[in-house]
Amino acid sequence: MLYTPGRIVDGRLPGVELGLRLWEGAYEGKQALWLRWCDESGALIPTGAERAIHEAERANREAERATREAERAERLAAKLRELGVDPNQL
């Protein structure tokens, strides 16, 4: 089987739904103009470090939500106890 070079159309590689585009920003502490992978719509594909930051932010938001929900549940349980109802018996 012979290798057939793929065509690049507007910086995109049809068939693999990926492309390359210029991006100006900081990468590993260096501000410059970089060549970055993008999806077929031109949106940048996050680097591993960017994915880790987004995941940490998502995990923090979820932890905060869980804390608020636990506090809410405890307030409701306290109200039930004030009314003479054992929340563990419900």
N, C-alpha and C. Protein backbone atom coordinates (compact mmCIF):
# COMPACT_ATOMS: atom_id res chain seq x y z
N MET A 1 0.84 -1.17 0.00
CA MET A 1 0.00 0.00 0.00
C MET A 1 0.89 1.24 0.00
N LEU A 2 0.64 2.13 -0.90
CA LEU A 2 1.42 3.35 -1.01
C LEU A 2 0.83 4.45 -0.14
N TYR A 3 1.71 5.28 0.39
CA TYR A 3 1.28 6.44 1.17
C TYR A 3 0.74 7.49 0.22
N THR A 4 -0.42 8.01 0.55
CA THR A 4 -1.01 9.09 -0.23
C THR A 4 -1.11 10.30 0.69
N PRO A 5 -0.38 11.38 0.36
CA PRO A 5 -0.46 12.55 1.23
C PRO A 5 -1.87 13.12 1.28
N GLY A 6 -2.28 13.52 2.47
CA GLY A 6 -3.59 14.14 2.62
C GLY A 6 -3.53 15.60 2.25
N ARG A 7 -4.65 16.13 1.87
CA ARG A 7 -4.74 17.56 1.54
C ARG A 7 -5.03 18.34 2.80
N ILE A 8 -4.42 19.50 2.89
CA ILE A 8 -4.72 20.42 3.98
C ILE A 8 -5.57 21.52 3.40
N VAL A 9 -6.76 21.71 3.97
CA VAL A 9 -7.71 22.71 3.48
C VAL A 9 -7.93 23.73 4.59
N ASP A 10 -7.53 24.96 4.36
CA ASP A 10 -7.68 26.02 5.36
C ASP A 10 -7.11 25.62 6.72
N GLY A 11 -5.97 24.96 6.71
CA GLY A 11 -5.33 24.55 7.96
C GLY A 11 -5.94 23.31 8.58
N ARG A 12 -6.90 22.70 7.92
CA ARG A 12 -7.58 21.52 8.47
C ARG A 12 -7.25 20.28 7.66
N LEU A 13 -7.28 19.17 8.34
CA LEU A 13 -7.04 17.89 7.70
C LEU A 13 -8.37 17.16 7.59
N PRO A 14 -9.05 17.28 6.44
CA PRO A 14 -10.34 16.60 6.30
C PRO A 14 -10.16 15.10 6.49
N GLY A 15 -11.13 14.48 7.05
CA GLY A 15 -11.06 13.04 7.26
C GLY A 15 -10.62 12.67 8.67
N VAL A 16 -9.81 13.51 9.29
CA VAL A 16 -9.42 13.24 10.68
C VAL A 16 -10.01 14.27 11.62
N GLU A 17 -10.73 15.23 11.06
CA GLU A 17 -11.45 16.24 11.84
C GLU A 17 -10.53 17.03 12.77
N LEU A 18 -9.30 17.27 12.31
CA LEU A 18 -8.32 18.06 13.05
C LEU A 18 -7.73 19.11 12.14
N GLY A 19 -7.15 20.11 12.76
CA GLY A 19 -6.46 21.13 12.00
C GLY A 19 -5.38 21.76 12.84
N LEU A 20 -4.66 22.68 12.23
CA LEU A 20 -3.63 23.44 12.92
C LEU A 20 -3.92 24.91 12.71
N ARG A 21 -3.70 25.70 13.75
CA ARG A 21 -3.88 27.14 13.62
C ARG A 21 -2.90 27.86 14.51
N LEU A 22 -2.67 29.11 14.18
CA LEU A 22 -1.79 29.94 14.99
C LEU A 22 -2.54 30.43 16.22
N TRP A 23 -1.82 30.47 17.32
CA TRP A 23 -2.38 30.94 18.59
C TRP A 23 -1.30 31.72 19.32
N GLU A 24 -1.65 32.89 19.80
CA GLU A 24 -0.70 33.68 20.57
C GLU A 24 -1.06 33.59 22.04
N GLY A 25 -0.09 33.20 22.84
CA GLY A 25 -0.33 33.07 24.26
C GLY A 25 0.86 32.46 24.96
N ALA A 26 0.67 32.15 26.23
CA ALA A 26 1.75 31.57 27.04
C ALA A 26 1.62 30.06 27.05
N TYR A 27 2.73 29.39 26.80
CA TYR A 27 2.80 27.93 26.88
C TYR A 27 4.09 27.60 27.63
N GLU A 28 3.95 26.83 28.70
CA GLU A 28 5.08 26.46 29.55
C GLU A 28 5.91 27.68 29.93
N GLY A 29 5.21 28.77 30.26
CA GLY A 29 5.85 29.97 30.75
C GLY A 29 6.43 30.89 29.70
N LYS A 30 6.26 30.56 28.43
CA LYS A 30 6.83 31.40 27.37
C LYS A 30 5.71 31.98 26.51
N GLN A 31 5.68 33.30 26.43
CA GLN A 31 4.70 34.00 25.60
C GLN A 31 5.23 34.04 24.17
N ALA A 32 4.43 33.55 23.21
CA ALA A 32 4.86 33.52 21.82
C ALA A 32 3.67 33.21 20.92
N LEU A 33 3.95 33.14 19.64
CA LEU A 33 2.98 32.70 18.65
C LEU A 33 3.23 31.21 18.44
N TRP A 34 2.20 30.40 18.68
CA TRP A 34 2.35 28.95 18.65
C TRP A 34 1.45 28.34 17.58
N LEU A 35 1.83 27.17 17.12
CA LEU A 35 0.99 26.37 16.25
C LEU A 35 0.25 25.39 17.15
N ARG A 36 -1.09 25.44 17.11
CA ARG A 36 -1.90 24.61 18.01
C ARG A 36 -2.87 23.74 17.21
N TRP A 37 -3.17 22.57 17.76
CA TRP A 37 -4.19 21.71 17.19
C TRP A 37 -5.56 22.33 17.44
N CYS A 38 -6.46 22.14 16.49
CA CYS A 38 -7.83 22.60 16.66
C CYS A 38 -8.77 21.54 16.09
N ASP A 39 -10.04 21.64 16.46
CA ASP A 39 -11.02 20.71 15.91
C ASP A 39 -11.49 21.22 14.55
N GLU A 40 -12.44 20.51 13.96
CA GLU A 40 -12.87 20.87 12.61
C GLU A 40 -13.56 22.22 12.54
N SER A 41 -14.05 22.72 13.68
CA SER A 41 -14.69 24.04 13.68
C SER A 41 -13.69 25.15 13.98
N GLY A 42 -12.43 24.79 14.26
CA GLY A 42 -11.41 25.79 14.54
C GLY A 42 -11.18 26.04 16.02
N ALA A 43 -11.94 25.38 16.89
CA ALA A 43 -11.77 25.55 18.34
C ALA A 43 -10.49 24.84 18.78
N LEU A 44 -9.71 25.52 19.61
CA LEU A 44 -8.46 24.94 20.09
C LEU A 44 -8.71 23.68 20.90
N ILE A 45 -7.85 22.70 20.73
CA ILE A 45 -7.89 21.50 21.55
C ILE A 45 -7.00 21.77 22.75
N PRO A 46 -7.52 21.66 23.96
CA PRO A 46 -6.74 22.01 25.15
C PRO A 46 -5.49 21.15 25.30
N THR A 47 -4.44 21.77 25.83
CA THR A 47 -3.23 21.01 26.17
C THR A 47 -3.52 20.19 27.42
N GLY A 48 -2.62 19.29 27.75
CA GLY A 48 -2.79 18.51 28.97
C GLY A 48 -2.90 19.39 30.21
N ALA A 49 -2.06 20.43 30.26
CA ALA A 49 -2.10 21.34 31.41
C ALA A 49 -3.42 22.09 31.46
N GLU A 50 -3.92 22.53 30.31
CA GLU A 50 -5.21 23.23 30.28
C GLU A 50 -6.34 22.30 30.71
N ARG A 51 -6.29 21.05 30.26
CA ARG A 51 -7.32 20.08 30.68
C ARG A 51 -7.27 19.86 32.18
N ALA A 52 -6.06 19.77 32.74
CA ALA A 52 -5.92 19.56 34.18
C ALA A 52 -6.48 20.74 34.96
N ILE A 53 -6.23 21.96 34.49
CA ILE A 53 -6.77 23.16 35.16
C ILE A 53 -8.29 23.14 35.12
N HIS A 54 -8.85 22.86 33.95
CA HIS A 54 -10.32 22.83 33.82
C HIS A 54 -10.93 21.74 34.70
N GLU A 55 -10.27 20.59 34.76
CA GLU A 55 -10.79 19.50 35.59
C GLU A 55 -10.72 19.86 37.07
N ALA A 56 -9.63 20.50 37.49
CA ALA A 56 -9.51 20.93 38.89
C ALA A 56 -10.59 21.95 39.23
N GLU A 57 -10.85 22.88 38.31
CA GLU A 57 -11.91 23.87 38.53
C GLU A 57 -13.27 23.20 38.63
N ARG A 58 -13.52 22.22 37.75
CA ARG A 58 -14.79 21.50 37.78
C ARG A 58 -14.93 20.73 39.10
N ALA A 59 -13.85 20.09 39.54
CA ALA A 59 -13.89 19.33 40.79
C ALA A 59 -14.14 20.26 41.98
N ASN A 60 -13.53 21.43 41.96
CA ASN A 60 -13.76 22.40 43.04
C ASN A 60 -15.21 22.86 43.08
N ARG A 61 -15.78 23.13 41.90
CA ARG A 61 -17.19 23.54 41.85
C ARG A 61 -18.09 22.44 42.39
N GLU A 62 -17.79 21.21 42.03
CA GLU A 62 -18.60 20.08 42.49
C GLU A 62 -18.46 19.90 44.00
N ALA A 63 -17.26 20.06 44.53
CA ALA A 63 -17.05 19.94 45.98
C ALA A 63 -17.82 21.03 46.72
N GLU A 64 -17.80 22.25 46.18
CA GLU A 64 -18.55 23.35 46.80
C GLU A 64 -20.05 23.07 46.76
N ARG A 65 -20.53 22.53 45.64
CA ARG A 65 -21.95 22.20 45.52
C ARG A 65 -22.32 21.12 46.53
N ALA A 66 -21.47 20.10 46.66
CA ALA A 66 -21.75 19.02 47.61
C ALA A 66 -21.75 19.54 49.05
N THR A 67 -20.85 20.45 49.36
CA THR A 67 -20.81 21.04 50.70
C THR A 67 -22.08 21.82 50.98
N ARG A 68 -22.51 22.63 50.01
CA ARG A 68 -23.76 23.40 50.19
C ARG A 68 -24.94 22.46 50.39
N GLU A 69 -24.99 21.38 49.63
CA GLU A 69 -26.10 20.43 49.75
C GLU A 69 -26.08 19.73 51.10
N ALA A 70 -24.89 19.37 51.60
CA ALA A 70 -24.79 18.74 52.91
C ALA A 70 -25.24 19.70 54.01
N GLU A 71 -24.85 20.97 53.88
CA GLU A 71 -25.28 21.98 54.86
C GLU A 71 -26.80 22.16 54.82
N ARG A 72 -27.36 22.16 53.63
CA ARG A 72 -28.81 22.29 53.48
C ARG A 72 -29.52 21.10 54.13
N ALA A 73 -29.01 19.90 53.86
CA ALA A 73 -29.61 18.70 54.44
C ALA A 73 -29.55 18.74 55.97
N GLU A 74 -28.44 19.21 56.50
CA GLU A 74 -28.31 19.30 57.96
C GLU A 74 -29.29 20.32 58.54
N ARG A 75 -29.47 21.45 57.85
CA ARG A 75 -30.45 22.45 58.33
C ARG A 75 -31.86 21.87 58.32
N LEU A 76 -32.20 21.12 57.27
CA LEU A 76 -33.53 20.51 57.20
C LEU A 76 -33.71 19.46 58.29
N ALA A 77 -32.66 18.67 58.54
CA ALA A 77 -32.73 17.67 59.60
C ALA A 77 -32.91 18.33 60.96
N ALA A 78 -32.22 19.45 61.18
CA ALA A 78 -32.36 20.18 62.45
C ALA A 78 -33.78 20.69 62.61
N LYS A 79 -34.38 21.19 61.53
CA LYS A 79 -35.77 21.67 61.57
C LYS A 79 -36.71 20.53 61.94
N LEU A 80 -36.50 19.37 61.33
CA LEU A 80 -37.35 18.22 61.64
C LEU A 80 -37.22 17.84 63.11
N ARG A 81 -35.98 17.84 63.63
CA ARG A 81 -35.78 17.50 65.05
C ARG A 81 -36.50 18.52 65.94
N GLU A 82 -36.48 19.82 65.55
CA GLU A 82 -37.20 20.85 66.31
C GLU A 82 -38.69 20.54 66.36
N LEU A 83 -39.20 19.94 65.29
CA LEU A 83 -40.62 19.60 65.21
C LEU A 83 -40.92 18.25 65.85
N GLY A 84 -39.89 17.62 66.42
CA GLY A 84 -40.09 16.34 67.09
C GLY A 84 -40.04 15.15 66.15
N VAL A 85 -39.52 15.34 64.97
CA VAL A 85 -39.42 14.24 64.00
C VAL A 85 -37.96 13.83 63.89
N ASP A 86 -37.73 12.52 64.03
CA ASP A 86 -36.37 12.00 63.87
C ASP A 86 -36.12 11.79 62.38
N PRO A 87 -35.23 12.57 61.76
CA PRO A 87 -35.01 12.45 60.32
C PRO A 87 -34.45 11.09 59.92
N ASN A 88 -33.83 10.38 60.86
CA ASN A 88 -33.28 9.06 60.54
C ASN A 88 -34.37 7.99 60.46
N GLN A 89 -35.57 8.32 60.93
CA GLN A 89 -36.67 7.37 60.90
C GLN A 89 -37.57 7.57 59.68
N LEU A 90 -37.23 8.51 58.84
CA LEU A 90 -38.07 8.77 57.66
C LEU A 90 -37.72 7.85 56.52
